[in-house]
Amino acid sequence: MSSLARAFVAIRPPGRVLDELETAANDLHARFAGARWLPRDTWHLTLRFLGRVDDAEALAERLTALRGHPTVTLRLGGVGAFPTSSRARVLWVGCSEGSAGFTRLADLVERAVAPLGFGPPDHPARPHVSIARFGPPQDLRRALDDVELGTVGESWTAGSVGLYRSTTRAEGAVHTEVASFRLGR
């Protein structure tokens, strides 16, 4: 694990929540023509995208600071687009509960990785699961206005955070957890 070409730190929802998210995503397919739907095994809530990591062992050592941090209770809900709804490249499902706890955890990740030379993130951490991508940007304002996506599944407690390797392939990205950091006591 000495280097990682593309890495990120994230929370992976439990299977029962992914089941509910998959049902919700399937219901959205007809509303978002032209979307490339991301496979369920790539769904996660990114705390920090890192990009290239030259010393994965040092990174994993720094991320041990997450151990003992309080667990975070989350619940998915709501839908939106990045970077904007008028020029969307990503369709996402957000969090209807737990955003403050997620942000505190993302700040801890940020403090842990900063001494390794990772500059500030491009944008603040915002809890979401990317479910679809668009090639050329799409104007989704009308489609998003017509969607009423309330809560998705039940609340769950995130008891661990993972360090992931992302490998890009022609058929899409493959995410592999290379280290895990248990939260709570």
N, C-alpha and C. Protein backbone atom coordinates (compact mmCIF):
# COMPACT_ATOMS: atom_id res chain seq x y z
N MET A 1 0.83 -1.20 0.00
CA MET A 1 0.00 0.00 0.00
C MET A 1 0.87 1.25 0.00
N SER A 2 2.06 1.23 -0.56
CA SER A 2 2.96 2.37 -0.45
C SER A 2 2.45 3.63 -1.15
N SER A 3 1.75 3.50 -2.27
CA SER A 3 1.18 4.68 -2.92
C SER A 3 -0.20 4.33 -3.48
N LEU A 4 -1.00 5.36 -3.63
CA LEU A 4 -2.35 5.21 -4.18
C LEU A 4 -2.51 6.28 -5.26
N ALA A 5 -2.89 5.88 -6.47
CA ALA A 5 -3.03 6.84 -7.56
C ALA A 5 -4.18 7.81 -7.31
N ARG A 6 -5.31 7.30 -6.82
CA ARG A 6 -6.47 8.14 -6.50
C ARG A 6 -7.07 7.60 -5.21
N ALA A 7 -7.13 8.46 -4.20
CA ALA A 7 -7.62 8.01 -2.91
C ALA A 7 -8.64 8.99 -2.34
N PHE A 8 -9.50 8.46 -1.47
CA PHE A 8 -10.45 9.31 -0.76
C PHE A 8 -10.80 8.65 0.57
N VAL A 9 -11.33 9.46 1.48
CA VAL A 9 -11.77 9.01 2.79
C VAL A 9 -13.29 9.14 2.80
N ALA A 10 -13.99 8.07 3.21
CA ALA A 10 -15.45 8.08 3.07
C ALA A 10 -16.14 7.19 4.09
N ILE A 11 -17.45 7.39 4.17
CA ILE A 11 -18.35 6.55 4.94
C ILE A 11 -19.18 5.76 3.94
N ARG A 12 -19.28 4.48 4.16
CA ARG A 12 -20.12 3.63 3.30
C ARG A 12 -21.38 3.28 4.07
N PRO A 13 -22.56 3.61 3.51
CA PRO A 13 -23.81 3.25 4.19
C PRO A 13 -23.96 1.73 4.29
N PRO A 14 -24.70 1.26 5.30
CA PRO A 14 -24.92 -0.19 5.43
C PRO A 14 -25.83 -0.70 4.31
N GLY A 15 -25.81 -2.02 4.11
CA GLY A 15 -26.57 -2.65 3.03
C GLY A 15 -28.04 -2.31 3.02
N ARG A 16 -28.69 -2.28 4.17
CA ARG A 16 -30.14 -2.00 4.21
C ARG A 16 -30.43 -0.59 3.71
N VAL A 17 -29.53 0.36 3.98
CA VAL A 17 -29.70 1.73 3.49
C VAL A 17 -29.43 1.77 1.99
N LEU A 18 -28.43 1.03 1.54
CA LEU A 18 -28.15 0.97 0.10
C LEU A 18 -29.32 0.35 -0.65
N ASP A 19 -30.00 -0.63 -0.03
CA ASP A 19 -31.19 -1.22 -0.66
C ASP A 19 -32.26 -0.14 -0.91
N GLU A 20 -32.52 0.67 0.10
CA GLU A 20 -33.52 1.74 -0.02
C GLU A 20 -33.07 2.79 -1.04
N LEU A 21 -31.78 3.12 -1.03
CA LEU A 21 -31.25 4.09 -1.98
C LEU A 21 -31.36 3.56 -3.41
N GLU A 22 -31.12 2.28 -3.58
CA GLU A 22 -31.23 1.68 -4.91
C GLU A 22 -32.67 1.78 -5.42
N THR A 23 -33.64 1.52 -4.56
CA THR A 23 -35.04 1.65 -4.94
C THR A 23 -35.36 3.10 -5.34
N ALA A 24 -34.91 4.05 -4.52
CA ALA A 24 -35.14 5.47 -4.83
C ALA A 24 -34.47 5.87 -6.14
N ALA A 25 -33.23 5.42 -6.35
CA ALA A 25 -32.51 5.75 -7.59
C ALA A 25 -33.22 5.17 -8.80
N ASN A 26 -33.71 3.94 -8.69
CA ASN A 26 -34.43 3.32 -9.81
C ASN A 26 -35.68 4.11 -10.16
N ASP A 27 -36.34 4.67 -9.15
CA ASP A 27 -37.54 5.49 -9.39
C ASP A 27 -37.20 6.80 -10.11
N LEU A 28 -35.95 7.23 -10.04
CA LEU A 28 -35.54 8.49 -10.67
C LEU A 28 -35.09 8.33 -12.12
N HIS A 29 -34.83 7.12 -12.56
CA HIS A 29 -34.27 6.89 -13.90
C HIS A 29 -35.05 7.58 -15.01
N ALA A 30 -36.36 7.49 -14.98
CA ALA A 30 -37.17 8.06 -16.07
C ALA A 30 -37.10 9.59 -16.09
N ARG A 31 -36.83 10.22 -14.96
CA ARG A 31 -36.82 11.69 -14.89
C ARG A 31 -35.50 12.30 -15.38
N PHE A 32 -34.46 11.51 -15.44
CA PHE A 32 -33.15 12.05 -15.77
C PHE A 32 -32.55 11.30 -16.97
N ALA A 33 -33.10 11.57 -18.12
CA ALA A 33 -32.62 10.95 -19.36
C ALA A 33 -31.18 11.39 -19.61
N GLY A 34 -30.41 10.50 -20.13
CA GLY A 34 -29.02 10.82 -20.44
C GLY A 34 -28.07 10.63 -19.28
N ALA A 35 -28.59 10.23 -18.13
CA ALA A 35 -27.72 10.00 -16.97
C ALA A 35 -27.01 8.66 -17.11
N ARG A 36 -25.78 8.62 -16.62
CA ARG A 36 -25.05 7.36 -16.50
C ARG A 36 -25.13 6.99 -15.02
N TRP A 37 -25.94 5.99 -14.70
CA TRP A 37 -26.22 5.63 -13.32
C TRP A 37 -25.04 4.87 -12.74
N LEU A 38 -24.60 5.30 -11.59
CA LEU A 38 -23.44 4.70 -10.95
C LEU A 38 -23.83 3.43 -10.23
N PRO A 39 -22.98 2.42 -10.27
CA PRO A 39 -23.31 1.16 -9.61
C PRO A 39 -23.31 1.31 -8.08
N ARG A 40 -24.16 0.56 -7.47
CA ARG A 40 -24.35 0.58 -6.01
C ARG A 40 -23.04 0.38 -5.25
N ASP A 41 -22.16 -0.45 -5.78
CA ASP A 41 -20.91 -0.72 -5.04
C ASP A 41 -19.95 0.47 -5.02
N THR A 42 -20.30 1.55 -5.69
CA THR A 42 -19.46 2.76 -5.63
C THR A 42 -20.08 3.83 -4.73
N TRP A 43 -21.25 3.59 -4.17
CA TRP A 43 -21.95 4.60 -3.39
C TRP A 43 -21.31 4.79 -2.02
N HIS A 44 -21.03 6.03 -1.68
CA HIS A 44 -20.40 6.38 -0.41
C HIS A 44 -20.61 7.87 -0.15
N LEU A 45 -20.28 8.32 1.05
CA LEU A 45 -20.30 9.74 1.41
C LEU A 45 -18.85 10.16 1.61
N THR A 46 -18.33 10.97 0.71
CA THR A 46 -16.93 11.37 0.75
C THR A 46 -16.70 12.42 1.83
N LEU A 47 -15.77 12.11 2.72
CA LEU A 47 -15.31 13.08 3.72
C LEU A 47 -14.20 13.95 3.15
N ARG A 48 -13.33 13.34 2.33
CA ARG A 48 -12.23 14.10 1.72
C ARG A 48 -11.68 13.33 0.53
N PHE A 49 -11.68 13.96 -0.65
CA PHE A 49 -10.99 13.40 -1.81
C PHE A 49 -9.54 13.84 -1.70
N LEU A 50 -8.62 12.91 -1.89
CA LEU A 50 -7.20 13.21 -1.72
C LEU A 50 -6.43 13.22 -3.03
N GLY A 51 -6.86 12.48 -4.02
CA GLY A 51 -6.08 12.35 -5.24
C GLY A 51 -4.91 11.42 -5.02
N ARG A 52 -3.77 11.76 -5.59
CA ARG A 52 -2.59 10.90 -5.47
C ARG A 52 -2.03 10.95 -4.06
N VAL A 53 -1.72 9.77 -3.54
CA VAL A 53 -1.11 9.62 -2.22
C VAL A 53 0.20 8.86 -2.42
N ASP A 54 1.32 9.52 -2.12
CA ASP A 54 2.62 8.86 -2.30
C ASP A 54 2.98 7.93 -1.15
N ASP A 55 2.55 8.25 0.06
CA ASP A 55 2.89 7.43 1.22
C ASP A 55 1.60 7.04 1.95
N ALA A 56 0.99 5.95 1.50
CA ALA A 56 -0.28 5.53 2.06
C ALA A 56 -0.15 5.11 3.52
N GLU A 57 1.00 4.57 3.90
CA GLU A 57 1.20 4.17 5.30
C GLU A 57 1.18 5.39 6.21
N ALA A 58 1.84 6.46 5.81
CA ALA A 58 1.84 7.68 6.62
C ALA A 58 0.43 8.26 6.70
N LEU A 59 -0.30 8.20 5.61
CA LEU A 59 -1.68 8.68 5.61
C LEU A 59 -2.53 7.85 6.57
N ALA A 60 -2.42 6.53 6.48
CA ALA A 60 -3.19 5.67 7.38
C ALA A 60 -2.83 5.95 8.83
N GLU A 61 -1.57 6.19 9.10
CA GLU A 61 -1.15 6.53 10.47
C GLU A 61 -1.81 7.83 10.93
N ARG A 62 -1.85 8.83 10.07
CA ARG A 62 -2.49 10.11 10.43
C ARG A 62 -4.00 9.92 10.65
N LEU A 63 -4.60 9.05 9.88
CA LEU A 63 -6.05 8.85 9.99
C LEU A 63 -6.45 8.05 11.24
N THR A 64 -5.48 7.49 11.94
CA THR A 64 -5.82 6.83 13.20
C THR A 64 -6.38 7.85 14.20
N ALA A 65 -6.20 9.15 13.94
CA ALA A 65 -6.79 10.19 14.79
C ALA A 65 -8.31 10.09 14.80
N LEU A 66 -8.89 9.40 13.82
CA LEU A 66 -10.35 9.24 13.76
C LEU A 66 -10.85 8.27 14.82
N ARG A 67 -9.99 7.36 15.25
CA ARG A 67 -10.40 6.35 16.23
C ARG A 67 -10.81 7.05 17.52
N GLY A 68 -11.97 6.67 18.00
CA GLY A 68 -12.48 7.28 19.23
C GLY A 68 -13.35 8.49 18.99
N HIS A 69 -13.33 9.05 17.78
CA HIS A 69 -14.24 10.17 17.48
C HIS A 69 -15.66 9.64 17.61
N PRO A 70 -16.58 10.44 18.11
CA PRO A 70 -17.96 9.96 18.24
C PRO A 70 -18.52 9.45 16.92
N THR A 71 -19.34 8.42 17.02
CA THR A 71 -20.02 7.92 15.83
C THR A 71 -20.95 9.03 15.30
N VAL A 72 -21.37 8.88 14.07
CA VAL A 72 -22.23 9.88 13.44
C VAL A 72 -23.50 9.17 12.97
N THR A 73 -24.65 9.71 13.36
CA THR A 73 -25.92 9.16 12.90
C THR A 73 -26.38 9.96 11.69
N LEU A 74 -26.66 9.24 10.60
CA LEU A 74 -27.01 9.85 9.32
C LEU A 74 -28.31 9.26 8.79
N ARG A 75 -28.95 10.03 7.93
CA ARG A 75 -30.11 9.54 7.19
C ARG A 75 -30.11 10.24 5.84
N LEU A 76 -30.27 9.47 4.79
CA LEU A 76 -30.28 10.03 3.45
C LEU A 76 -31.62 10.67 3.13
N GLY A 77 -31.57 11.68 2.27
CA GLY A 77 -32.80 12.32 1.83
C GLY A 77 -32.51 13.56 1.00
N GLY A 78 -33.41 13.87 0.11
CA GLY A 78 -33.24 15.02 -0.77
C GLY A 78 -32.37 14.67 -1.96
N VAL A 79 -32.53 15.41 -3.03
CA VAL A 79 -31.77 15.17 -4.25
C VAL A 79 -31.29 16.52 -4.78
N GLY A 80 -30.12 16.51 -5.41
CA GLY A 80 -29.57 17.73 -5.98
C GLY A 80 -28.54 17.41 -7.03
N ALA A 81 -27.83 18.45 -7.47
CA ALA A 81 -26.85 18.28 -8.54
C ALA A 81 -25.63 19.15 -8.30
N PHE A 82 -24.49 18.68 -8.76
CA PHE A 82 -23.23 19.44 -8.72
C PHE A 82 -22.78 19.68 -10.15
N PRO A 83 -22.08 20.74 -10.49
CA PRO A 83 -21.78 21.85 -9.60
C PRO A 83 -22.98 22.75 -9.35
N THR A 84 -23.90 22.83 -10.32
CA THR A 84 -25.15 23.58 -10.13
C THR A 84 -26.25 22.80 -10.84
N SER A 85 -27.49 23.09 -10.50
CA SER A 85 -28.60 22.40 -11.15
C SER A 85 -28.76 22.81 -12.62
N SER A 86 -28.23 23.97 -12.99
CA SER A 86 -28.34 24.40 -14.39
C SER A 86 -27.20 23.85 -15.27
N ARG A 87 -26.13 23.39 -14.65
CA ARG A 87 -25.00 22.80 -15.39
C ARG A 87 -24.53 21.54 -14.67
N ALA A 88 -25.46 20.62 -14.48
CA ALA A 88 -25.21 19.43 -13.66
C ALA A 88 -24.32 18.41 -14.36
N ARG A 89 -23.36 17.93 -13.61
CA ARG A 89 -22.52 16.81 -14.03
C ARG A 89 -22.76 15.60 -13.14
N VAL A 90 -23.26 15.85 -11.91
CA VAL A 90 -23.49 14.79 -10.93
C VAL A 90 -24.87 14.97 -10.31
N LEU A 91 -25.60 13.88 -10.23
CA LEU A 91 -26.87 13.84 -9.51
C LEU A 91 -26.60 13.12 -8.19
N TRP A 92 -27.07 13.70 -7.08
CA TRP A 92 -26.77 13.13 -5.78
C TRP A 92 -28.00 13.09 -4.88
N VAL A 93 -27.91 12.21 -3.88
CA VAL A 93 -28.87 12.17 -2.79
C VAL A 93 -28.12 12.65 -1.56
N GLY A 94 -28.71 13.62 -0.86
CA GLY A 94 -28.05 14.23 0.29
C GLY A 94 -28.39 13.54 1.60
N CYS A 95 -28.16 14.26 2.68
CA CYS A 95 -28.47 13.77 4.02
C CYS A 95 -29.56 14.65 4.61
N SER A 96 -30.60 14.01 5.10
CA SER A 96 -31.67 14.75 5.77
C SER A 96 -31.41 14.84 7.27
N GLU A 97 -30.49 14.02 7.78
CA GLU A 97 -30.10 14.04 9.19
C GLU A 97 -28.60 13.79 9.28
N GLY A 98 -27.96 14.49 10.22
CA GLY A 98 -26.57 14.21 10.54
C GLY A 98 -25.53 15.07 9.87
N SER A 99 -25.94 16.11 9.17
CA SER A 99 -24.96 16.94 8.45
C SER A 99 -23.93 17.57 9.37
N ALA A 100 -24.35 18.02 10.56
CA ALA A 100 -23.40 18.67 11.48
C ALA A 100 -22.34 17.67 11.95
N GLY A 101 -22.76 16.45 12.29
CA GLY A 101 -21.79 15.44 12.71
C GLY A 101 -20.86 15.05 11.58
N PHE A 102 -21.40 14.97 10.37
CA PHE A 102 -20.58 14.67 9.19
C PHE A 102 -19.52 15.75 9.01
N THR A 103 -19.93 17.01 9.12
CA THR A 103 -19.01 18.13 8.94
C THR A 103 -17.90 18.11 9.99
N ARG A 104 -18.24 17.81 11.24
CA ARG A 104 -17.21 17.71 12.29
C ARG A 104 -16.21 16.61 11.96
N LEU A 105 -16.70 15.49 11.47
CA LEU A 105 -15.82 14.38 11.11
C LEU A 105 -14.94 14.76 9.91
N ALA A 106 -15.51 15.43 8.92
CA ALA A 106 -14.74 15.89 7.76
C ALA A 106 -13.65 16.87 8.20
N ASP A 107 -13.96 17.74 9.16
CA ASP A 107 -12.95 18.68 9.67
C ASP A 107 -11.80 17.93 10.35
N LEU A 108 -12.13 16.86 11.08
CA LEU A 108 -11.08 16.06 11.72
C LEU A 108 -10.20 15.38 10.66
N VAL A 109 -10.82 14.88 9.61
CA VAL A 109 -10.04 14.29 8.51
C VAL A 109 -9.12 15.35 7.92
N GLU A 110 -9.64 16.54 7.71
CA GLU A 110 -8.86 17.64 7.14
C GLU A 110 -7.64 17.94 8.02
N ARG A 111 -7.85 18.04 9.31
CA ARG A 111 -6.73 18.31 10.24
C ARG A 111 -5.71 17.17 10.23
N ALA A 112 -6.19 15.94 10.06
CA ALA A 112 -5.29 14.79 10.06
C ALA A 112 -4.40 14.76 8.81
N VAL A 113 -4.95 15.13 7.65
CA VAL A 113 -4.18 15.00 6.40
C VAL A 113 -3.35 16.25 6.07
N ALA A 114 -3.68 17.38 6.66
CA ALA A 114 -2.97 18.63 6.34
C ALA A 114 -1.46 18.54 6.55
N PRO A 115 -0.97 17.92 7.64
CA PRO A 115 0.49 17.84 7.82
C PRO A 115 1.21 17.03 6.74
N LEU A 116 0.47 16.26 5.97
CA LEU A 116 1.07 15.48 4.89
C LEU A 116 1.14 16.26 3.59
N GLY A 117 0.76 17.53 3.63
CA GLY A 117 0.87 18.38 2.45
C GLY A 117 -0.39 18.48 1.62
N PHE A 118 -1.49 17.91 2.08
CA PHE A 118 -2.74 18.06 1.35
C PHE A 118 -3.29 19.44 1.64
N GLY A 119 -3.45 20.22 0.59
CA GLY A 119 -3.98 21.57 0.74
C GLY A 119 -5.45 21.52 1.07
N PRO A 120 -6.04 22.69 1.25
CA PRO A 120 -7.47 22.72 1.57
C PRO A 120 -8.28 22.11 0.42
N PRO A 121 -9.43 21.53 0.74
CA PRO A 121 -10.25 20.92 -0.32
C PRO A 121 -10.77 22.00 -1.27
N ASP A 122 -11.15 21.56 -2.46
CA ASP A 122 -11.69 22.47 -3.47
C ASP A 122 -13.01 23.09 -3.04
N HIS A 123 -13.76 22.37 -2.21
CA HIS A 123 -15.06 22.86 -1.73
C HIS A 123 -15.33 22.21 -0.38
N PRO A 124 -16.17 22.83 0.43
CA PRO A 124 -16.46 22.25 1.74
C PRO A 124 -17.14 20.89 1.63
N ALA A 125 -16.89 20.04 2.62
CA ALA A 125 -17.53 18.72 2.64
C ALA A 125 -19.04 18.89 2.77
N ARG A 126 -19.74 18.19 1.93
CA ARG A 126 -21.21 18.24 1.94
C ARG A 126 -21.69 16.80 1.83
N PRO A 127 -22.39 16.30 2.85
CA PRO A 127 -22.75 14.88 2.83
C PRO A 127 -23.71 14.55 1.70
N HIS A 128 -23.29 13.64 0.83
CA HIS A 128 -24.11 13.22 -0.30
C HIS A 128 -23.57 11.92 -0.86
N VAL A 129 -24.43 11.23 -1.58
CA VAL A 129 -24.05 10.03 -2.32
C VAL A 129 -24.29 10.32 -3.80
N SER A 130 -23.25 10.30 -4.60
CA SER A 130 -23.40 10.49 -6.05
C SER A 130 -24.05 9.24 -6.63
N ILE A 131 -25.15 9.43 -7.37
CA ILE A 131 -25.85 8.27 -7.93
C ILE A 131 -25.84 8.25 -9.45
N ALA A 132 -25.53 9.39 -10.09
CA ALA A 132 -25.50 9.42 -11.56
C ALA A 132 -24.57 10.53 -12.01
N ARG A 133 -24.05 10.37 -13.22
CA ARG A 133 -23.20 11.38 -13.85
C ARG A 133 -23.76 11.69 -15.24
N PHE A 134 -23.40 12.87 -15.71
CA PHE A 134 -23.81 13.32 -17.04
C PHE A 134 -22.56 13.68 -17.82
N GLY A 135 -22.49 13.27 -19.11
CA GLY A 135 -21.36 13.62 -19.97
C GLY A 135 -21.29 15.12 -20.12
N PRO A 136 -21.96 15.66 -21.14
CA PRO A 136 -22.03 17.11 -21.17
C PRO A 136 -22.95 17.57 -20.04
N PRO A 137 -22.66 18.73 -19.44
CA PRO A 137 -23.52 19.23 -18.36
C PRO A 137 -24.98 19.35 -18.82
N GLN A 138 -25.88 19.06 -17.89
CA GLN A 138 -27.32 19.10 -18.17
C GLN A 138 -27.99 20.17 -17.32
N ASP A 139 -29.04 20.76 -17.86
CA ASP A 139 -29.86 21.67 -17.08
C ASP A 139 -30.95 20.83 -16.41
N LEU A 140 -30.82 20.63 -15.11
CA LEU A 140 -31.74 19.77 -14.36
C LEU A 140 -32.72 20.56 -13.50
N ARG A 141 -32.77 21.87 -13.67
CA ARG A 141 -33.63 22.67 -12.80
C ARG A 141 -35.08 22.19 -12.81
N ARG A 142 -35.65 22.01 -13.96
CA ARG A 142 -37.05 21.58 -14.05
C ARG A 142 -37.22 20.17 -13.47
N ALA A 143 -36.35 19.26 -13.85
CA ALA A 143 -36.46 17.88 -13.36
C ALA A 143 -36.33 17.83 -11.83
N LEU A 144 -35.39 18.59 -11.28
CA LEU A 144 -35.21 18.60 -9.83
C LEU A 144 -36.39 19.24 -9.13
N ASP A 145 -36.99 20.26 -9.74
CA ASP A 145 -38.18 20.88 -9.15
C ASP A 145 -39.35 19.90 -9.06
N ASP A 146 -39.39 18.95 -10.01
CA ASP A 146 -40.49 17.99 -10.05
C ASP A 146 -40.27 16.78 -9.13
N VAL A 147 -39.08 16.65 -8.59
CA VAL A 147 -38.77 15.49 -7.74
C VAL A 147 -39.00 15.85 -6.28
N GLU A 148 -39.76 15.00 -5.62
CA GLU A 148 -39.94 15.13 -4.18
C GLU A 148 -39.37 13.87 -3.54
N LEU A 149 -38.11 13.92 -3.19
CA LEU A 149 -37.46 12.77 -2.57
C LEU A 149 -37.27 13.10 -1.10
N GLY A 150 -38.11 12.52 -0.27
CA GLY A 150 -37.98 12.73 1.17
C GLY A 150 -36.85 11.89 1.72
N THR A 151 -37.03 11.39 2.91
CA THR A 151 -35.98 10.56 3.50
C THR A 151 -35.90 9.23 2.76
N VAL A 152 -34.70 8.70 2.72
CA VAL A 152 -34.44 7.43 2.05
C VAL A 152 -33.95 6.45 3.10
N GLY A 153 -34.76 5.45 3.37
CA GLY A 153 -34.35 4.45 4.34
C GLY A 153 -34.38 5.00 5.76
N GLU A 154 -33.78 4.24 6.64
CA GLU A 154 -33.77 4.60 8.05
C GLU A 154 -32.45 5.27 8.42
N SER A 155 -32.45 5.88 9.58
CA SER A 155 -31.19 6.44 10.11
C SER A 155 -30.24 5.30 10.41
N TRP A 156 -28.97 5.58 10.32
CA TRP A 156 -27.98 4.59 10.71
C TRP A 156 -26.81 5.30 11.37
N THR A 157 -26.07 4.53 12.15
CA THR A 157 -24.90 5.07 12.83
C THR A 157 -23.65 4.63 12.08
N ALA A 158 -22.90 5.61 11.61
CA ALA A 158 -21.63 5.32 10.94
C ALA A 158 -20.61 5.03 12.03
N GLY A 159 -20.19 3.79 12.11
CA GLY A 159 -19.26 3.37 13.14
C GLY A 159 -17.83 3.28 12.66
N SER A 160 -17.61 3.52 11.37
CA SER A 160 -16.24 3.49 10.85
C SER A 160 -16.13 4.38 9.62
N VAL A 161 -14.89 4.72 9.32
CA VAL A 161 -14.53 5.52 8.15
C VAL A 161 -13.49 4.73 7.39
N GLY A 162 -13.57 4.74 6.07
CA GLY A 162 -12.62 3.99 5.27
C GLY A 162 -11.72 4.89 4.44
N LEU A 163 -10.51 4.40 4.20
CA LEU A 163 -9.60 4.98 3.21
C LEU A 163 -9.73 4.10 1.98
N TYR A 164 -10.06 4.71 0.85
CA TYR A 164 -10.34 3.96 -0.37
C TYR A 164 -9.37 4.30 -1.49
N ARG A 165 -9.09 3.29 -2.30
CA ARG A 165 -8.37 3.45 -3.57
C ARG A 165 -9.44 3.46 -4.65
N SER A 166 -9.36 4.40 -5.57
CA SER A 166 -10.27 4.45 -6.71
C SER A 166 -9.47 4.14 -7.97
N THR A 167 -9.89 3.11 -8.66
CA THR A 167 -9.23 2.70 -9.90
C THR A 167 -10.21 2.97 -11.04
N THR A 168 -9.80 3.77 -11.99
CA THR A 168 -10.66 4.11 -13.12
C THR A 168 -10.48 3.07 -14.21
N ARG A 169 -11.60 2.53 -14.68
CA ARG A 169 -11.61 1.56 -15.77
C ARG A 169 -12.61 2.03 -16.82
N ALA A 170 -12.56 1.45 -17.98
CA ALA A 170 -13.48 1.85 -19.06
C ALA A 170 -14.93 1.69 -18.64
N GLU A 171 -15.23 0.66 -17.88
CA GLU A 171 -16.61 0.42 -17.45
C GLU A 171 -17.00 1.21 -16.21
N GLY A 172 -16.08 2.00 -15.66
CA GLY A 172 -16.36 2.82 -14.48
C GLY A 172 -15.34 2.61 -13.39
N ALA A 173 -15.46 3.39 -12.34
CA ALA A 173 -14.50 3.33 -11.24
C ALA A 173 -14.77 2.12 -10.35
N VAL A 174 -13.69 1.60 -9.79
CA VAL A 174 -13.76 0.54 -8.79
C VAL A 174 -13.15 1.11 -7.52
N HIS A 175 -13.89 1.01 -6.41
CA HIS A 175 -13.43 1.53 -5.13
C HIS A 175 -13.10 0.37 -4.20
N THR A 176 -11.89 0.40 -3.66
CA THR A 176 -11.42 -0.66 -2.77
C THR A 176 -11.01 -0.05 -1.45
N GLU A 177 -11.58 -0.54 -0.37
CA GLU A 177 -11.18 -0.05 0.95
C GLU A 177 -9.82 -0.65 1.29
N VAL A 178 -8.87 0.22 1.63
CA VAL A 178 -7.51 -0.24 1.95
C VAL A 178 -7.22 -0.12 3.44
N ALA A 179 -8.02 0.66 4.18
CA ALA A 179 -7.88 0.77 5.62
C ALA A 179 -9.20 1.25 6.19
N SER A 180 -9.47 0.85 7.44
CA SER A 180 -10.70 1.23 8.10
C SER A 180 -10.38 1.76 9.49
N PHE A 181 -11.13 2.77 9.92
CA PHE A 181 -10.89 3.42 11.21
C PHE A 181 -12.20 3.45 11.97
N ARG A 182 -12.23 2.71 13.06
CA ARG A 182 -13.44 2.59 13.87
C ARG A 182 -13.68 3.86 14.68
N LEU A 183 -14.92 4.30 14.68
CA LEU A 183 -15.32 5.48 15.46
C LEU A 183 -15.89 5.02 16.79
N GLY A 184 -16.04 5.93 17.71
CA GLY A 184 -16.67 5.63 18.98
C GLY A 184 -15.70 4.96 19.94
N ARG A 185 -16.24 4.57 21.04
CA ARG A 185 -15.41 3.94 22.10
C ARG A 185 -15.68 2.48 22.22
